[in-house]
PDB file of N, CA and C in Angstrom:
ATOM      1  N   MET A   1      48.805 178.210 259.128  1.00  0.00           N
ATOM      2  CA  MET A   1      49.026 179.187 258.086  1.00  0.00           C
ATOM      3  C   MET A   1      50.201 180.069 258.513  1.00  0.00           C
ATOM      4  N   SER A   2      51.155 180.194 257.617  1.00  0.00           N
ATOM      5  CA  SER A   2      52.357 180.952 257.945  1.00  0.00           C
ATOM      6  C   SER A   2      52.110 182.453 257.770  1.00  0.00           C
ATOM      7  N   THR A   3      53.049 183.215 258.262  1.00  0.00           N
ATOM      8  CA  THR A   3      52.952 184.672 258.154  1.00  0.00           C
ATOM      9  C   THR A   3      52.987 185.108 256.695  1.00  0.00           C
ATOM     10  N   LYS A   4      53.781 184.430 255.907  1.00  0.00           N
ATOM     11  CA  LYS A   4      53.879 184.763 254.490  1.00  0.00           C
ATOM     12  C   LYS A   4      52.528 184.567 253.788  1.00  0.00           C
ATOM     13  N   GLU A   5      51.815 183.506 254.125  1.00  0.00           N
ATOM     14  CA  GLU A   5      50.504 183.261 253.535  1.00  0.00           C
ATOM     15  C   GLU A   5      49.483 184.302 253.987  1.00  0.00           C
ATOM     16  N   LYS A   6      49.572 184.711 255.257  1.00  0.00           N
ATOM     17  CA  LYS A   6      48.662 185.736 255.766  1.00  0.00           C
ATOM     18  C   LYS A   6      48.882 187.063 255.047  1.00  0.00           C
ATOM     19  N   VAL A   7      50.153 187.433 254.849  1.00  0.00           N
ATOM     20  CA  VAL A   7      50.477 188.675 254.152  1.00  0.00           C
ATOM     21  C   VAL A   7      49.965 188.606 252.718  1.00  0.00           C
ATOM     22  N   LEU A   8      50.109 187.462 252.069  1.00  0.00           N
ATOM     23  CA  LEU A   8      49.631 187.292 250.703  1.00  0.00           C
ATOM     24  C   LEU A   8      48.110 187.458 250.628  1.00  0.00           C
ATOM     25  N   ILE A   9      47.382 186.902 251.567  1.00  0.00           N
ATOM     26  CA  ILE A   9      45.923 187.024 251.588  1.00  0.00           C
ATOM     27  C   ILE A   9      45.513 188.483 251.806  1.00  0.00           C
ATOM     28  N   VAL A  10      46.166 189.151 252.745  1.00  0.00           N
ATOM     29  CA  VAL A  10      45.857 190.564 252.999  1.00  0.00           C
ATOM     30  C   VAL A  10      46.174 191.397 251.763  1.00  0.00           C
ATOM     31  N   TRP A  11      47.299 191.116 251.111  1.00  0.00           N
ATOM     32  CA  TRP A  11      47.671 191.856 249.907  1.00  0.00           C
ATOM     33  C   TRP A  11      46.632 191.649 248.806  1.00  0.00           C
ATOM     34  N   LEU A  12      46.151 190.430 248.627  1.00  0.00           N
ATOM     35  CA  LEU A  12      45.114 190.164 247.636  1.00  0.00           C
ATOM     36  C   LEU A  12      43.835 190.937 247.938  1.00  0.00           C
ATOM     37  N   LEU A  13      43.455 191.009 249.194  1.00  0.00           N
ATOM     38  CA  LEU A  13      42.264 191.770 249.571  1.00  0.00           C
ATOM     39  C   LEU A  13      42.441 193.258 249.295  1.00  0.00           C
ATOM     40  N   VAL A  14      43.622 193.779 249.578  1.00  0.00           N
ATOM     41  CA  VAL A  14      43.896 195.201 249.317  1.00  0.00           C
ATOM     42  C   VAL A  14      43.835 195.487 247.815  1.00  0.00           C
ATOM     43  N   VAL A  15      44.428 194.633 247.015  1.00  0.00           N
ATOM     44  CA  VAL A  15      44.421 194.818 245.567  1.00  0.00           C
ATOM     45  C   VAL A  15      42.998 194.730 245.021  1.00  0.00           C
ATOM     46  N   MET A  16      42.205 193.808 245.527  1.00  0.00           N
ATOM     47  CA  MET A  16      40.817 193.687 245.086  1.00  0.00           C
ATOM     48  C   MET A  16      40.009 194.930 245.450  1.00  0.00           C
ATOM     49  N   ALA A  17      40.209 195.465 246.630  1.00  0.00           N
ATOM     50  CA  ALA A  17      39.500 196.669 247.048  1.00  0.00           C
ATOM     51  C   ALA A  17      39.912 197.867 246.197  1.00  0.00           C
ATOM     52  N   ALA A  18      41.193 198.016 245.943  1.00  0.00           N
ATOM     53  CA  ALA A  18      41.674 199.125 245.110  1.00  0.00           C
ATOM     54  C   ALA A  18      41.141 198.991 243.688  1.00  0.00           C
ATOM     55  N   SER A  19      41.105 197.780 243.173  1.00  0.00           N
ATOM     56  CA  SER A  19      40.577 197.547 241.834  1.00  0.00           C
ATOM     57  C   SER A  19      39.110 197.944 241.754  1.00  0.00           C
ATOM     58  N   PHE A  20      38.337 197.614 242.779  1.00  0.00           N
ATOM     59  CA  PHE A  20      36.921 197.980 242.797  1.00  0.00           C
ATOM     60  C   PHE A  20      36.753 199.499 242.817  1.00  0.00           C
ATOM     61  N   VAL A  21      37.542 200.181 243.626  1.00  0.00           N
ATOM     62  CA  VAL A  21      37.442 201.644 243.729  1.00  0.00           C
ATOM     63  C   VAL A  21      37.799 202.297 242.398  1.00  0.00           C
ATOM     64  N   PHE A  22      38.905 201.876 241.767  1.00  0.00           N
ATOM     65  CA  PHE A  22      39.311 202.471 240.499  1.00  0.00           C
ATOM     66  C   PHE A  22      38.327 202.145 239.385  1.00  0.00           C
ATOM     67  N   HIS A  23      37.784 200.926 239.394  1.00  0.00           N
ATOM     68  CA  HIS A  23      36.784 200.557 238.393  1.00  0.00           C
ATOM     69  C   HIS A  23      35.558 201.451 238.532  1.00  0.00           C
ATOM     70  N   HIS A  24      35.114 201.668 239.756  1.00  0.00           N
ATOM     71  CA  HIS A  24      33.951 202.530 240.000  1.00  0.00           C
ATOM     72  C   HIS A  24      34.236 203.956 239.521  1.00  0.00           C
ATOM     73  N   PHE A  25      35.440 204.458 239.784  1.00  0.00           N
ATOM     74  CA  PHE A  25      35.817 205.801 239.335  1.00  0.00           C
ATOM     75  C   PHE A  25      35.755 205.902 237.820  1.00  0.00           C
ATOM     76  N   TRP A  26      36.333 204.929 237.108  1.00  0.00           N
ATOM     77  CA  TRP A  26      36.354 204.987 235.645  1.00  0.00           C
ATOM     78  C   TRP A  26      34.959 204.857 235.062  1.00  0.00           C
ATOM     79  N   VAL A  27      34.125 204.019 235.659  1.00  0.00           N
ATOM     80  CA  VAL A  27      32.750 203.883 235.165  1.00  0.00           C
ATOM     81  C   VAL A  27      32.010 205.208 235.313  1.00  0.00           C
ATOM     82  N   CYS A  28      32.160 205.862 236.436  1.00  0.00           N
ATOM     83  CA  CYS A  28      31.500 207.154 236.656  1.00  0.00           C
ATOM     84  C   CYS A  28      32.036 208.220 235.713  1.00  0.00           C
ATOM     85  N   ALA A  29      33.347 208.240 235.491  1.00  0.00           N
ATOM     86  CA  ALA A  29      33.947 209.233 234.599  1.00  0.00           C
ATOM     87  C   ALA A  29      33.485 209.032 233.160  1.00  0.00           C
ATOM     88  N   VAL A  30      33.475 207.803 232.689  1.00  0.00           N
ATOM     89  CA  VAL A  30      33.041 207.523 231.317  1.00  0.00           C
ATOM     90  C   VAL A  30      31.558 207.836 231.160  1.00  0.00           C
ATOM     91  N   TYR A  31      30.763 207.514 232.164  1.00  0.00           N
ATOM     92  CA  TYR A  31      29.331 207.820 232.102  1.00  0.00           C
ATOM     93  C   TYR A  31      29.109 209.335 232.015  1.00  0.00           C
ATOM     94  N   ALA A  32      29.822 210.089 232.831  1.00  0.00           N
ATOM     95  CA  ALA A  32      29.667 211.550 232.837  1.00  0.00           C
ATOM     96  C   ALA A  32      30.106 212.154 231.503  1.00  0.00           C
ATOM     97  N   LEU A  33      31.217 211.681 230.952  1.00  0.00           N
ATOM     98  CA  LEU A  33      31.663 212.194 229.664  1.00  0.00           C
ATOM     99  C   LEU A  33      30.705 211.802 228.543  1.00  0.00           C
ATOM    100  N   GLY A  34      30.160 210.608 228.610  1.00  0.00           N
ATOM    101  CA  GLY A  34      29.177 210.191 227.612  1.00  0.00           C
ATOM    102  C   GLY A  34      27.923 211.045 227.660  1.00  0.00           C
ATOM    103  N   ARG A  35      27.492 211.364 228.861  1.00  0.00           N
ATOM    104  CA  ARG A  35      26.312 212.236 229.006  1.00  0.00           C
ATOM    105  C   ARG A  35      26.607 213.644 228.482  1.00  0.00           C
ATOM    106  N   ALA A  36      27.818 214.131 228.750  1.00  0.00           N
ATOM    107  CA  ALA A  36      28.180 215.472 228.273  1.00  0.00           C
ATOM    108  C   ALA A  36      28.202 215.525 226.750  1.00  0.00           C
ATOM    109  N   VAL A  37      28.689 214.475 226.110  1.00  0.00           N
ATOM    110  CA  VAL A  37      28.702 214.431 224.652  1.00  0.00           C
ATOM    111  C   VAL A  37      27.280 214.295 224.128  1.00  0.00           C
ATOM    112  N   ALA A  38      26.471 213.452 224.763  1.00  0.00           N
ATOM    113  CA  ALA A  38      25.095 213.242 224.309  1.00  0.00           C
ATOM    114  C   ALA A  38      24.270 214.517 224.432  1.00  0.00           C
ATOM    115  N   LEU A  39      24.530 215.314 225.434  1.00  0.00           N
ATOM    116  CA  LEU A  39      23.776 216.557 225.632  1.00  0.00           C
ATOM    117  C   LEU A  39      24.413 217.746 224.916  1.00  0.00           C
ATOM    118  N   ASN A  40      25.436 217.480 224.108  1.00  0.00           N
ATOM    119  CA  ASN A  40      26.162 218.506 223.348  1.00  0.00           C
ATOM    120  C   ASN A  40      26.796 219.566 224.237  1.00  0.00           C
ATOM    121  N   ILE A  41      27.143 219.199 225.443  1.00  0.00           N
ATOM    122  CA  ILE A  41      27.901 220.106 226.313  1.00  0.00           C
ATOM    123  C   ILE A  41      29.358 220.121 225.852  1.00  0.00           C
ATOM    124  N   ILE A  42      29.847 218.958 225.468  1.00  0.00           N
ATOM    125  CA  ILE A  42      31.199 218.812 224.937  1.00  0.00           C
ATOM    126  C   ILE A  42      31.064 218.197 223.547  1.00  0.00           C
ATOM    127  N   LEU A  43      31.746 218.769 222.578  1.00  0.00           N
ATOM    128  CA  LEU A  43      31.735 218.185 221.244  1.00  0.00           C
ATOM    129  C   LEU A  43      32.690 217.000 221.204  1.00  0.00           C
ATOM    130  N   LEU A  44      32.329 215.987 220.456  1.00  0.00           N
ATOM    131  CA  LEU A  44      33.133 214.773 220.393  1.00  0.00           C
ATOM    132  C   LEU A  44      34.559 215.025 219.899  1.00  0.00           C
ATOM    133  N   PRO A  45      34.786 215.853 218.868  1.00  0.00           N
ATOM    134  CA  PRO A  45      36.181 216.123 218.466  1.00  0.00           C
ATOM    135  C   PRO A  45      36.991 216.808 219.580  1.00  0.00           C
ATOM    136  N   GLY A  46      36.341 217.675 220.349  1.00  0.00           N
ATOM    137  CA  GLY A  46      37.035 218.308 221.472  1.00  0.00           C
ATOM    138  C   GLY A  46      37.416 217.306 222.539  1.00  0.00           C
ATOM    139  N   LEU A  47      36.521 216.359 222.807  1.00  0.00           N
ATOM    140  CA  LEU A  47      36.817 215.305 223.779  1.00  0.00           C
ATOM    141  C   LEU A  47      37.949 214.415 223.276  1.00  0.00           C
ATOM    142  N   ALA A  48      37.962 214.144 221.963  1.00  0.00           N
ATOM    143  CA  ALA A  48      39.032 213.334 221.385  1.00  0.00           C
ATOM    144  C   ALA A  48      40.382 214.041 221.518  1.00  0.00           C
ATOM    145  N   LYS A  49      40.411 215.362 221.303  1.00  0.00           N
ATOM    146  CA  LYS A  49      41.661 216.122 221.455  1.00  0.00           C
ATOM    147  C   LYS A  49      42.130 216.114 222.908  1.00  0.00           C
ATOM    148  N   LEU A  50      41.197 216.274 223.837  1.00  0.00           N
ATOM    149  CA  LEU A  50      41.542 216.241 225.256  1.00  0.00           C
ATOM    150  C   LEU A  50      42.112 214.883 225.639  1.00  0.00           C
ATOM    151  N   THR A  51      41.472 213.826 225.174  1.00  0.00           N
ATOM    152  CA  THR A  51      41.939 212.471 225.466  1.00  0.00           C
ATOM    153  C   THR A  51      43.319 212.230 224.870  1.00  0.00           C
ATOM    154  N   ALA A  52      43.531 212.671 223.647  1.00  0.00           N
ATOM    155  CA  ALA A  52      44.841 212.507 223.010  1.00  0.00           C
ATOM    156  C   ALA A  52      45.914 213.281 223.770  1.00  0.00           C
ATOM    157  N   GLY A  53      45.573 214.465 224.258  1.00  0.00           N
ATOM    158  CA  GLY A  53      46.531 215.247 225.035  1.00  0.00           C
ATOM    159  C   GLY A  53      46.891 214.587 226.354  1.00  0.00           C
ATOM    160  N   ILE A  54      45.889 214.039 227.031  1.00  0.00           N
ATOM    161  CA  ILE A  54      46.151 213.341 228.294  1.00  0.00           C
ATOM    162  C   ILE A  54      47.005 212.109 228.042  1.00  0.00           C
ATOM    163  N   TRP A  55      46.697 211.363 226.974  1.00  0.00           N
ATOM    164  CA  TRP A  55      47.446 210.158 226.654  1.00  0.00           C
ATOM    165  C   TRP A  55      48.893 210.511 226.314  1.00  0.00           C
ATOM    166  N   ALA A  56      49.095 211.576 225.539  1.00  0.00           N
ATOM    167  CA  ALA A  56      50.454 211.986 225.183  1.00  0.00           C
ATOM    168  C   ALA A  56      51.240 212.443 226.408  1.00  0.00           C
ATOM    169  N   ALA A  57      50.592 213.164 227.308  1.00  0.00           N
ATOM    170  CA  ALA A  57      51.262 213.603 228.539  1.00  0.00           C
ATOM    171  C   ALA A  57      51.627 212.394 229.396  1.00  0.00           C
ATOM    172  N   HIS A  58      50.776 211.388 229.386  1.00  0.00           N
ATOM    173  CA  HIS A  58      51.059 210.171 230.152  1.00  0.00           C
ATOM    174  C   HIS A  58      52.292 209.469 229.581  1.00  0.00           C
ATOM    175  N   LEU A  59      52.417 209.436 228.262  1.00  0.00           N
ATOM    176  CA  LEU A  59      53.583 208.797 227.651  1.00  0.00           C
ATOM    177  C   LEU A  59      54.869 209.543 227.952  1.00  0.00           C
ATOM    178  N   LEU A  60      54.792 210.865 228.086  1.00  0.00           N
ATOM    179  CA  LEU A  60      55.986 211.653 228.357  1.00  0.00           C
ATOM    180  C   LEU A  60      56.471 211.544 229.801  1.00  0.00           C
ATOM    181  N   SER A  61      55.574 211.175 230.694  1.00  0.00           N
ATOM    182  CA  SER A  61      55.965 211.107 232.112  1.00  0.00           C
ATOM    183  C   SER A  61      56.620 209.798 232.463  1.00  0.00           C
TER     184      SER A  61
END
């Protein structure tokens, strides 16, 4: 196995680990926001405005 193949395997493992961490973060964030809406801590239109603002800021950057 060449060095290039070893680097490729390590890179794939790093990407898989990062993907798992980010997936776990998003699942927890969506669950928490869903619970907040269900318990009427946050109103759904307010959450929609917040999401639209974050999305618009992301497009501007």
